[in-house]
Amino acid sequence: MARKCWKARNDRKAKTVARYADLRHQLKKEKDYVGLSMLPRDASPTRLVNRCVITGRRRAYLRRFKMSRITFREFASAGMIPGVTKSSW
């Protein structure tokens, strides 16, 4: 389980990215790299980390379900994810 501050930090970064998205796009279009460097570091979308929405784990993240493999397996086994069934042959 990730610490709450890590999840909060990632949420704060996501808000910053959204706030500066239009300005970053405009500066890139004008090729104003000095202006881009004046923006906060967290305005860059590459600083965002994919984290599990339930546990906050960043490794083994499944983008389609927005959760880690461990949480995905628990939810799938419990039948809480529609359309996902355990395969057997």
PDB file of N, CA and C in Angstrom:
ATOM      1  N   MET A   1       0.844  -1.175   0.000  1.00  0.00           N
ATOM      2  CA  MET A   1       0.000   0.000   0.000  1.00  0.00           C
ATOM      3  C   MET A   1       0.894   1.245   0.000  1.00  0.00           C
ATOM      4  N   ALA A   2       0.662   2.109  -0.963  1.00  0.00           N
ATOM      5  CA  ALA A   2       1.457   3.333  -1.050  1.00  0.00           C
ATOM      6  C   ALA A   2       1.040   4.321   0.030  1.00  0.00           C
ATOM      7  N   ARG A   3       1.947   5.192   0.367  1.00  0.00           N
ATOM      8  CA  ARG A   3       1.631   6.198   1.363  1.00  0.00           C
ATOM      9  C   ARG A   3       0.683   7.225   0.774  1.00  0.00           C
ATOM     10  N   LYS A   4      -0.116   7.833   1.619  1.00  0.00           N
ATOM     11  CA  LYS A   4      -1.107   8.813   1.157  1.00  0.00           C
ATOM     12  C   LYS A   4      -0.446  10.017   0.505  1.00  0.00           C
ATOM     13  N   CYS A   5       0.721  10.403   0.998  1.00  0.00           N
ATOM     14  CA  CYS A   5       1.382  11.584   0.446  1.00  0.00           C
ATOM     15  C   CYS A   5       1.824  11.348  -0.995  1.00  0.00           C
ATOM     16  N   TRP A   6       2.167  10.112  -1.361  1.00  0.00           N
ATOM     17  CA  TRP A   6       2.560   9.822  -2.739  1.00  0.00           C
ATOM     18  C   TRP A   6       1.370   9.976  -3.671  1.00  0.00           C
ATOM     19  N   LYS A   7       0.220   9.464  -3.220  1.00  0.00           N
ATOM     20  CA  LYS A   7      -0.988   9.608  -4.035  1.00  0.00           C
ATOM     21  C   LYS A   7      -1.365  11.080  -4.166  1.00  0.00           C
ATOM     22  N   ALA A   8      -1.277  11.816  -3.070  1.00  0.00           N
ATOM     23  CA  ALA A   8      -1.618  13.237  -3.076  1.00  0.00           C
ATOM     24  C   ALA A   8      -0.667  14.022  -3.979  1.00  0.00           C
ATOM     25  N   ARG A   9       0.610  13.672  -3.949  1.00  0.00           N
ATOM     26  CA  ARG A   9       1.589  14.352  -4.796  1.00  0.00           C
ATOM     27  C   ARG A   9       1.268  14.124  -6.271  1.00  0.00           C
ATOM     28  N   ASN A  10       0.901  12.908  -6.615  1.00  0.00           N
ATOM     29  CA  ASN A  10       0.575  12.609  -8.002  1.00  0.00           C
ATOM     30  C   ASN A  10      -0.693  13.349  -8.431  1.00  0.00           C
ATOM     31  N   ASP A  11      -1.677  13.456  -7.545  1.00  0.00           N
ATOM     32  CA  ASP A  11      -2.894  14.215  -7.854  1.00  0.00           C
ATOM     33  C   ASP A  11      -2.572  15.692  -8.058  1.00  0.00           C
ATOM     34  N   ARG A  12      -1.689  16.220  -7.216  1.00  0.00           N
ATOM     35  CA  ARG A  12      -1.291  17.621  -7.343  1.00  0.00           C
ATOM     36  C   ARG A  12      -0.574  17.858  -8.668  1.00  0.00           C
ATOM     37  N   LYS A  13       0.277  16.919  -9.074  1.00  0.00           N
ATOM     38  CA  LYS A  13       0.967  17.035 -10.355  1.00  0.00           C
ATOM     39  C   LYS A  13      -0.024  16.995 -11.514  1.00  0.00           C
ATOM     40  N   ALA A  14      -1.040  16.133 -11.411  1.00  0.00           N
ATOM     41  CA  ALA A  14      -2.046  16.035 -12.472  1.00  0.00           C
ATOM     42  C   ALA A  14      -2.801  17.355 -12.632  1.00  0.00           C
ATOM     43  N   LYS A  15      -3.110  18.011 -11.526  1.00  0.00           N
ATOM     44  CA  LYS A  15      -3.794  19.307 -11.598  1.00  0.00           C
ATOM     45  C   LYS A  15      -2.898  20.364 -12.239  1.00  0.00           C
ATOM     46  N   THR A  16      -1.614  20.335 -11.910  1.00  0.00           N
ATOM     47  CA  THR A  16      -0.671  21.292 -12.486  1.00  0.00           C
ATOM     48  C   THR A  16      -0.526  21.065 -13.983  1.00  0.00           C
ATOM     49  N   VAL A  17      -0.458  19.815 -14.398  1.00  0.00           N
ATOM     50  CA  VAL A  17      -0.361  19.489 -15.825  1.00  0.00           C
ATOM     51  C   VAL A  17      -1.591  20.016 -16.562  1.00  0.00           C
ATOM     52  N   ALA A  18      -2.773  19.806 -15.984  1.00  0.00           N
ATOM     53  CA  ALA A  18      -4.005  20.273 -16.623  1.00  0.00           C
ATOM     54  C   ALA A  18      -4.050  21.797 -16.701  1.00  0.00           C
ATOM     55  N   ARG A  19      -3.552  22.465 -15.664  1.00  0.00           N
ATOM     56  CA  ARG A  19      -3.591  23.926 -15.619  1.00  0.00           C
ATOM     57  C   ARG A  19      -2.716  24.546 -16.705  1.00  0.00           C
ATOM     58  N   TYR A  20      -1.545  23.969 -16.958  1.00  0.00           N
ATOM     59  CA  TYR A  20      -0.596  24.538 -17.907  1.00  0.00           C
ATOM     60  C   TYR A  20      -0.626  23.877 -19.278  1.00  0.00           C
ATOM     61  N   ALA A  21      -1.553  22.993 -19.545  1.00  0.00           N
ATOM     62  CA  ALA A  21      -1.560  22.243 -20.810  1.00  0.00           C
ATOM     63  C   ALA A  21      -1.687  23.156 -22.023  1.00  0.00           C
ATOM     64  N   ASP A  22      -2.629  24.090 -21.984  1.00  0.00           N
ATOM     65  CA  ASP A  22      -2.821  24.978 -23.132  1.00  0.00           C
ATOM     66  C   ASP A  22      -1.608  25.884 -23.351  1.00  0.00           C
ATOM     67  N   LEU A  23      -1.074  26.411 -22.280  1.00  0.00           N
ATOM     68  CA  LEU A  23       0.094  27.286 -22.387  1.00  0.00           C
ATOM     69  C   LEU A  23       1.298  26.525 -22.920  1.00  0.00           C
ATOM     70  N   ARG A  24       1.515  25.302 -22.431  1.00  0.00           N
ATOM     71  CA  ARG A  24       2.620  24.479 -22.936  1.00  0.00           C
ATOM     72  C   ARG A  24       2.468  24.200 -24.423  1.00  0.00           C
ATOM     73  N   HIS A  25       1.245  23.890 -24.836  1.00  0.00           N
ATOM     74  CA  HIS A  25       0.989  23.613 -26.255  1.00  0.00           C
ATOM     75  C   HIS A  25       1.301  24.845 -27.110  1.00  0.00           C
ATOM     76  N   GLN A  26       0.879  26.011 -26.624  1.00  0.00           N
ATOM     77  CA  GLN A  26       1.115  27.249 -27.356  1.00  0.00           C
ATOM     78  C   GLN A  26       2.609  27.563 -27.439  1.00  0.00           C
ATOM     79  N   LEU A  27       3.323  27.412 -26.336  1.00  0.00           N
ATOM     80  CA  LEU A  27       4.758  27.690 -26.332  1.00  0.00           C
ATOM     81  C   LEU A  27       5.521  26.716 -27.228  1.00  0.00           C
ATOM     82  N   LYS A  28       5.106  25.465 -27.250  1.00  0.00           N
ATOM     83  CA  LYS A  28       5.766  24.489 -28.128  1.00  0.00           C
ATOM     84  C   LYS A  28       5.507  24.819 -29.591  1.00  0.00           C
ATOM     85  N   LYS A  29       4.295  25.291 -29.873  1.00  0.00           N
ATOM     86  CA  LYS A  29       3.937  25.648 -31.245  1.00  0.00           C
ATOM     87  C   LYS A  29       4.792  26.818 -31.727  1.00  0.00           C
ATOM     88  N   GLU A  30       5.052  27.766 -30.824  1.00  0.00           N
ATOM     89  CA  GLU A  30       5.870  28.937 -31.163  1.00  0.00           C
ATOM     90  C   GLU A  30       7.365  28.653 -31.045  1.00  0.00           C
ATOM     91  N   LYS A  31       7.721  27.468 -30.579  1.00  0.00           N
ATOM     92  CA  LYS A  31       9.112  27.047 -30.352  1.00  0.00           C
ATOM     93  C   LYS A  31       9.828  27.993 -29.390  1.00  0.00           C
ATOM     94  N   ASP A  32       9.096  28.397 -28.356  1.00  0.00           N
ATOM     95  CA  ASP A  32       9.637  29.273 -27.317  1.00  0.00           C
ATOM     96  C   ASP A  32      10.112  28.398 -26.155  1.00  0.00           C
ATOM     97  N   TYR A  33      11.331  27.889 -26.288  1.00  0.00           N
ATOM     98  CA  TYR A  33      11.849  26.963 -25.292  1.00  0.00           C
ATOM     99  C   TYR A  33      12.280  27.667 -24.005  1.00  0.00           C
ATOM    100  N   VAL A  34      12.584  28.953 -24.105  1.00  0.00           N
ATOM    101  CA  VAL A  34      12.906  29.717 -22.897  1.00  0.00           C
ATOM    102  C   VAL A  34      11.642  29.862 -22.054  1.00  0.00           C
ATOM    103  N   GLY A  35      10.524  30.148 -22.710  1.00  0.00           N
ATOM    104  CA  GLY A  35       9.241  30.244 -22.008  1.00  0.00           C
ATOM    105  C   GLY A  35       8.840  28.918 -21.387  1.00  0.00           C
ATOM    106  N   LEU A  36       9.124  27.832 -22.096  1.00  0.00           N
ATOM    107  CA  LEU A  36       8.818  26.502 -21.562  1.00  0.00           C
ATOM    108  C   LEU A  36       9.647  26.217 -20.313  1.00  0.00           C
ATOM    109  N   SER A  37      10.890  26.647 -20.326  1.00  0.00           N
ATOM    110  CA  SER A  37      11.742  26.380 -19.172  1.00  0.00           C
ATOM    111  C   SER A  37      11.347  27.226 -17.960  1.00  0.00           C
ATOM    112  N   MET A  38      10.570  28.290 -18.180  1.00  0.00           N
ATOM    113  CA  MET A  38      10.119  29.137 -17.074  1.00  0.00           C
ATOM    114  C   MET A  38       8.921  28.529 -16.340  1.00  0.00           C
ATOM    115  N   LEU A  39       8.252  27.569 -16.973  1.00  0.00           N
ATOM    116  CA  LEU A  39       7.099  26.928 -16.340  1.00  0.00           C
ATOM    117  C   LEU A  39       7.575  26.019 -15.208  1.00  0.00           C
ATOM    118  N   PRO A  40       6.682  25.693 -14.273  1.00  0.00           N
ATOM    119  CA  PRO A  40       7.074  24.761 -13.207  1.00  0.00           C
ATOM    120  C   PRO A  40       7.397  23.375 -13.759  1.00  0.00           C
ATOM    121  N   ARG A  41       8.269  22.672 -13.071  1.00  0.00           N
ATOM    122  CA  ARG A  41       8.649  21.326 -13.527  1.00  0.00           C
ATOM    123  C   ARG A  41       7.462  20.383 -13.585  1.00  0.00           C
ATOM    124  N   ASP A  42       6.581  20.500 -12.623  1.00  0.00           N
ATOM    125  CA  ASP A  42       5.445  19.582 -12.557  1.00  0.00           C
ATOM    126  C   ASP A  42       4.405  19.861 -13.636  1.00  0.00           C
ATOM    127  N   ALA A  43       4.620  20.875 -14.472  1.00  0.00           N
ATOM    128  CA  ALA A  43       3.700  21.152 -15.570  1.00  0.00           C
ATOM    129  C   ALA A  43       3.921  20.181 -16.728  1.00  0.00           C
ATOM    130  N   SER A  44       5.010  19.445 -16.685  1.00  0.00           N
ATOM    131  CA  SER A  44       5.303  18.484 -17.744  1.00  0.00           C
ATOM    132  C   SER A  44       4.548  17.177 -17.500  1.00  0.00           C
ATOM    133  N   PRO A  45       3.836  16.670 -18.517  1.00  0.00           N
ATOM    134  CA  PRO A  45       3.071  15.427 -18.321  1.00  0.00           C
ATOM    135  C   PRO A  45       3.940  14.191 -18.082  1.00  0.00           C
ATOM    136  N   THR A  46       5.215  14.258 -18.413  1.00  0.00           N
ATOM    137  CA  THR A  46       6.074  13.091 -18.200  1.00  0.00           C
ATOM    138  C   THR A  46       6.377  12.875 -16.729  1.00  0.00           C
ATOM    139  N   ARG A  47       6.097  13.859 -15.882  1.00  0.00           N
ATOM    140  CA  ARG A  47       6.361  13.703 -14.451  1.00  0.00           C
ATOM    141  C   ARG A  47       5.230  12.978 -13.728  1.00  0.00           C
ATOM    142  N   LEU A  48       4.132  12.716 -14.424  1.00  0.00           N
ATOM    143  CA  LEU A  48       3.033  11.956 -13.830  1.00  0.00           C
ATOM    144  C   LEU A  48       3.410  10.482 -13.771  1.00  0.00           C
ATOM    145  N   VAL A  49       2.915   9.801 -12.766  1.00  0.00           N
ATOM    146  CA  VAL A  49       3.200   8.380 -12.571  1.00  0.00           C
ATOM    147  C   VAL A  49       1.879   7.626 -12.601  1.00  0.00           C
ATOM    148  N   ASN A  50       1.834   6.526 -13.345  1.00  0.00           N
ATOM    149  CA  ASN A  50       0.640   5.686 -13.320  1.00  0.00           C
ATOM    150  C   ASN A  50       0.587   4.964 -11.983  1.00  0.00           C
ATOM    151  N   ARG A  51      -0.498   5.172 -11.246  1.00  0.00           N
ATOM    152  CA  ARG A  51      -0.658   4.527  -9.944  1.00  0.00           C
ATOM    153  C   ARG A  51      -2.006   3.830  -9.876  1.00  0.00           C
ATOM    154  N   CYS A  52      -2.046   2.726  -9.139  1.00  0.00           N
ATOM    155  CA  CYS A  52      -3.279   1.983  -8.907  1.00  0.00           C
ATOM    156  C   CYS A  52      -4.252   2.882  -8.143  1.00  0.00           C
ATOM    157  N   VAL A  53      -5.508   2.933  -8.582  1.00  0.00           N
ATOM    158  CA  VAL A  53      -6.480   3.800  -7.924  1.00  0.00           C
ATOM    159  C   VAL A  53      -6.868   3.275  -6.551  1.00  0.00           C
ATOM    160  N   ILE A  54      -6.688   1.996  -6.294  1.00  0.00           N
ATOM    161  CA  ILE A  54      -7.078   1.432  -5.004  1.00  0.00           C
ATOM    162  C   ILE A  54      -5.907   1.486  -4.013  1.00  0.00           C
ATOM    163  N   THR A  55      -4.754   0.935  -4.411  1.00  0.00           N
ATOM    164  CA  THR A  55      -3.635   0.827  -3.483  1.00  0.00           C
ATOM    165  C   THR A  55      -2.582   1.904  -3.661  1.00  0.00           C
ATOM    166  N   GLY A  56      -2.482   2.511  -4.835  1.00  0.00           N
ATOM    167  CA  GLY A  56      -1.462   3.513  -5.088  1.00  0.00           C
ATOM    168  C   GLY A  56      -0.150   2.929  -5.577  1.00  0.00           C
ATOM    169  N   ARG A  57      -0.112   1.610  -5.803  1.00  0.00           N
ATOM    170  CA  ARG A  57       1.113   0.950  -6.261  1.00  0.00           C
ATOM    171  C   ARG A  57       1.463   1.432  -7.667  1.00  0.00           C
ATOM    172  N   ARG A  58       2.743   1.680  -7.928  1.00  0.00           N
ATOM    173  CA  ARG A  58       3.141   2.177  -9.232  1.00  0.00           C
ATOM    174  C   ARG A  58       3.717   1.094 -10.140  1.00  0.00           C
ATOM    175  N   ARG A  59       4.171  -0.005  -9.579  1.00  0.00           N
ATOM    176  CA  ARG A  59       4.711  -1.076 -10.412  1.00  0.00           C
ATOM    177  C   ARG A  59       3.600  -2.028 -10.826  1.00  0.00           C
ATOM    178  N   ALA A  60       3.797  -2.690 -11.957  1.00  0.00           N
ATOM    179  CA  ALA A  60       2.846  -3.680 -12.482  1.00  0.00           C
ATOM    180  C   ALA A  60       1.465  -3.079 -12.627  1.00  0.00           C
ATOM    181  N   TYR A  61       1.398  -1.901 -13.250  1.00  0.00           N
ATOM    182  CA  TYR A  61       0.148  -1.158 -13.443  1.00  0.00           C
ATOM    183  C   TYR A  61      -0.493  -1.581 -14.759  1.00  0.00           C
ATOM    184  N   LEU A  62      -1.773  -1.908 -14.729  1.00  0.00           N
ATOM    185  CA  LEU A  62      -2.516  -2.265 -15.933  1.00  0.00           C
ATOM    186  C   LEU A  62      -3.329  -1.054 -16.374  1.00  0.00           C
ATOM    187  N   ARG A  63      -2.964  -0.452 -17.490  1.00  0.00           N
ATOM    188  CA  ARG A  63      -3.614   0.786 -17.936  1.00  0.00           C
ATOM    189  C   ARG A  63      -5.102   0.605 -18.212  1.00  0.00           C
ATOM    190  N   ARG A  64      -5.449  -0.500 -18.794  1.00  0.00           N
ATOM    191  CA  ARG A  64      -6.851  -0.719 -19.174  1.00  0.00           C
ATOM    192  C   ARG A  64      -7.786  -0.688 -17.967  1.00  0.00           C
ATOM    193  N   PHE A  65      -7.317  -1.168 -16.832  1.00  0.00           N
ATOM    194  CA  PHE A  65      -8.152  -1.240 -15.639  1.00  0.00           C
ATOM    195  C   PHE A  65      -7.765  -0.217 -14.571  1.00  0.00           C
ATOM    196  N   LYS A  66      -6.683   0.506 -14.795  1.00  0.00           N
ATOM    197  CA  LYS A  66      -6.185   1.527 -13.863  1.00  0.00           C
ATOM    198  C   LYS A  66      -5.918   0.971 -12.466  1.00  0.00           C
ATOM    199  N   MET A  67      -5.377  -0.236 -12.419  1.00  0.00           N
ATOM    200  CA  MET A  67      -5.025  -0.831 -11.134  1.00  0.00           C
ATOM    201  C   MET A  67      -3.831  -1.755 -11.304  1.00  0.00           C
ATOM    202  N   SER A  68      -3.224  -2.105 -10.189  1.00  0.00           N
ATOM    203  CA  SER A  68      -2.055  -2.978 -10.219  1.00  0.00           C
ATOM    204  C   SER A  68      -2.496  -4.422 -10.459  1.00  0.00           C
ATOM    205  N   ARG A  69      -1.539  -5.260 -10.787  1.00  0.00           N
ATOM    206  CA  ARG A  69      -1.851  -6.658 -11.094  1.00  0.00           C
ATOM    207  C   ARG A  69      -2.414  -7.379  -9.880  1.00  0.00           C
ATOM    208  N   ILE A  70      -1.947  -7.019  -8.696  1.00  0.00           N
ATOM    209  CA  ILE A  70      -2.400  -7.691  -7.474  1.00  0.00           C
ATOM    210  C   ILE A  70      -3.861  -7.357  -7.205  1.00  0.00           C
ATOM    211  N   THR A  71      -4.182  -6.071  -7.268  1.00  0.00           N
ATOM    212  CA  THR A  71      -5.563  -5.630  -7.055  1.00  0.00           C
ATOM    213  C   THR A  71      -6.471  -6.180  -8.139  1.00  0.00           C
ATOM    214  N   PHE A  72      -5.968  -6.189  -9.389  1.00  0.00           N
ATOM    215  CA  PHE A  72      -6.753  -6.723 -10.496  1.00  0.00           C
ATOM    216  C   PHE A  72      -7.106  -8.185 -10.256  1.00  0.00           C
ATOM    217  N   ARG A  73      -6.143  -8.966  -9.809  1.00  0.00           N
ATOM    218  CA  ARG A  73      -6.396 -10.389  -9.580  1.00  0.00           C
ATOM    219  C   ARG A  73      -7.415 -10.599  -8.469  1.00  0.00           C
ATOM    220  N   GLU A  74      -7.292  -9.810  -7.390  1.00  0.00           N
ATOM    221  CA  GLU A  74      -8.257  -9.927  -6.289  1.00  0.00           C
ATOM    222  C   GLU A  74      -9.671  -9.583  -6.756  1.00  0.00           C
ATOM    223  N   PHE A  75      -9.802  -8.490  -7.499  1.00  0.00           N
ATOM    224  CA  PHE A  75     -11.120  -8.055  -7.963  1.00  0.00           C
ATOM    225  C   PHE A  75     -11.695  -9.022  -8.995  1.00  0.00           C
ATOM    226  N   ALA A  76     -10.836  -9.532  -9.895  1.00  0.00           N
ATOM    227  CA  ALA A  76     -11.306 -10.464 -10.921  1.00  0.00           C
ATOM    228  C   ALA A  76     -11.754 -11.778 -10.304  1.00  0.00           C
ATOM    229  N   SER A  77     -11.032 -12.260  -9.319  1.00  0.00           N
ATOM    230  CA  SER A  77     -11.405 -13.510  -8.655  1.00  0.00           C
ATOM    231  C   SER A  77     -12.705 -13.365  -7.888  1.00  0.00           C
ATOM    232  N   ALA A  78     -12.949 -12.162  -7.368  1.00  0.00           N
ATOM    233  CA  ALA A  78     -14.183 -11.912  -6.630  1.00  0.00           C
ATOM    234  C   ALA A  78     -15.353 -11.605  -7.569  1.00  0.00           C
ATOM    235  N   GLY A  79     -15.063 -11.483  -8.888  1.00  0.00           N
ATOM    236  CA  GLY A  79     -16.117 -11.203  -9.856  1.00  0.00           C
ATOM    237  C   GLY A  79     -16.579  -9.757  -9.848  1.00  0.00           C
ATOM    238  N   MET A  80     -15.711  -8.855  -9.434  1.00  0.00           N
ATOM    239  CA  MET A  80     -16.092  -7.446  -9.327  1.00  0.00           C
ATOM    240  C   MET A  80     -15.754  -6.634 -10.575  1.00  0.00           C
ATOM    241  N   ILE A  81     -15.079  -7.243 -11.548  1.00  0.00           N
ATOM    242  CA  ILE A  81     -14.762  -6.553 -12.803  1.00  0.00           C
ATOM    243  C   ILE A  81     -15.615  -7.183 -13.903  1.00  0.00           C
ATOM    244  N   PRO A  82     -16.556  -6.422 -14.472  1.00  0.00           N
ATOM    245  CA  PRO A  82     -17.436  -6.986 -15.494  1.00  0.00           C
ATOM    246  C   PRO A  82     -16.661  -7.401 -16.756  1.00  0.00           C
ATOM    247  N   GLY A  83     -17.000  -8.543 -17.279  1.00  0.00           N
ATOM    248  CA  GLY A  83     -16.391  -9.035 -18.507  1.00  0.00           C
ATOM    249  C   GLY A  83     -15.086  -9.782 -18.332  1.00  0.00           C
ATOM    250  N   VAL A  84     -14.597  -9.875 -17.111  1.00  0.00           N
ATOM    251  CA  VAL A  84     -13.331 -10.564 -16.860  1.00  0.00           C
ATOM    252  C   VAL A  84     -13.624 -11.859 -16.128  1.00  0.00           C
ATOM    253  N   THR A  85     -13.168 -12.958 -16.719  1.00  0.00           N
ATOM    254  CA  THR A  85     -13.356 -14.254 -16.081  1.00  0.00           C
ATOM    255  C   THR A  85     -12.007 -14.985 -16.052  1.00  0.00           C
ATOM    256  N   LYS A  86     -11.853 -15.836 -15.079  1.00  0.00           N
ATOM    257  CA  LYS A  86     -10.633 -16.622 -14.983  1.00  0.00           C
ATOM    258  C   LYS A  86     -10.698 -17.720 -16.044  1.00  0.00           C
ATOM    259  N   SER A  87      -9.637 -17.816 -16.812  1.00  0.00           N
ATOM    260  CA  SER A  87      -9.644 -18.808 -17.885  1.00  0.00           C
ATOM    261  C   SER A  87      -9.334 -20.180 -17.324  1.00  0.00           C
ATOM    262  N   SER A  88      -9.941 -21.179 -17.929  1.00  0.00           N
ATOM    263  CA  SER A  88      -9.656 -22.565 -17.568  1.00  0.00           C
ATOM    264  C   SER A  88      -9.753 -23.423 -18.822  1.00  0.00           C
ATOM    265  N   TRP A  89      -8.900 -24.417 -18.935  1.00  0.00           N
ATOM    266  CA  TRP A  89      -8.935 -25.292 -20.101  1.00  0.00           C
ATOM    267  C   TRP A  89      -8.539 -26.688 -19.744  1.00  0.00           C
TER     268      TRP A  89
END
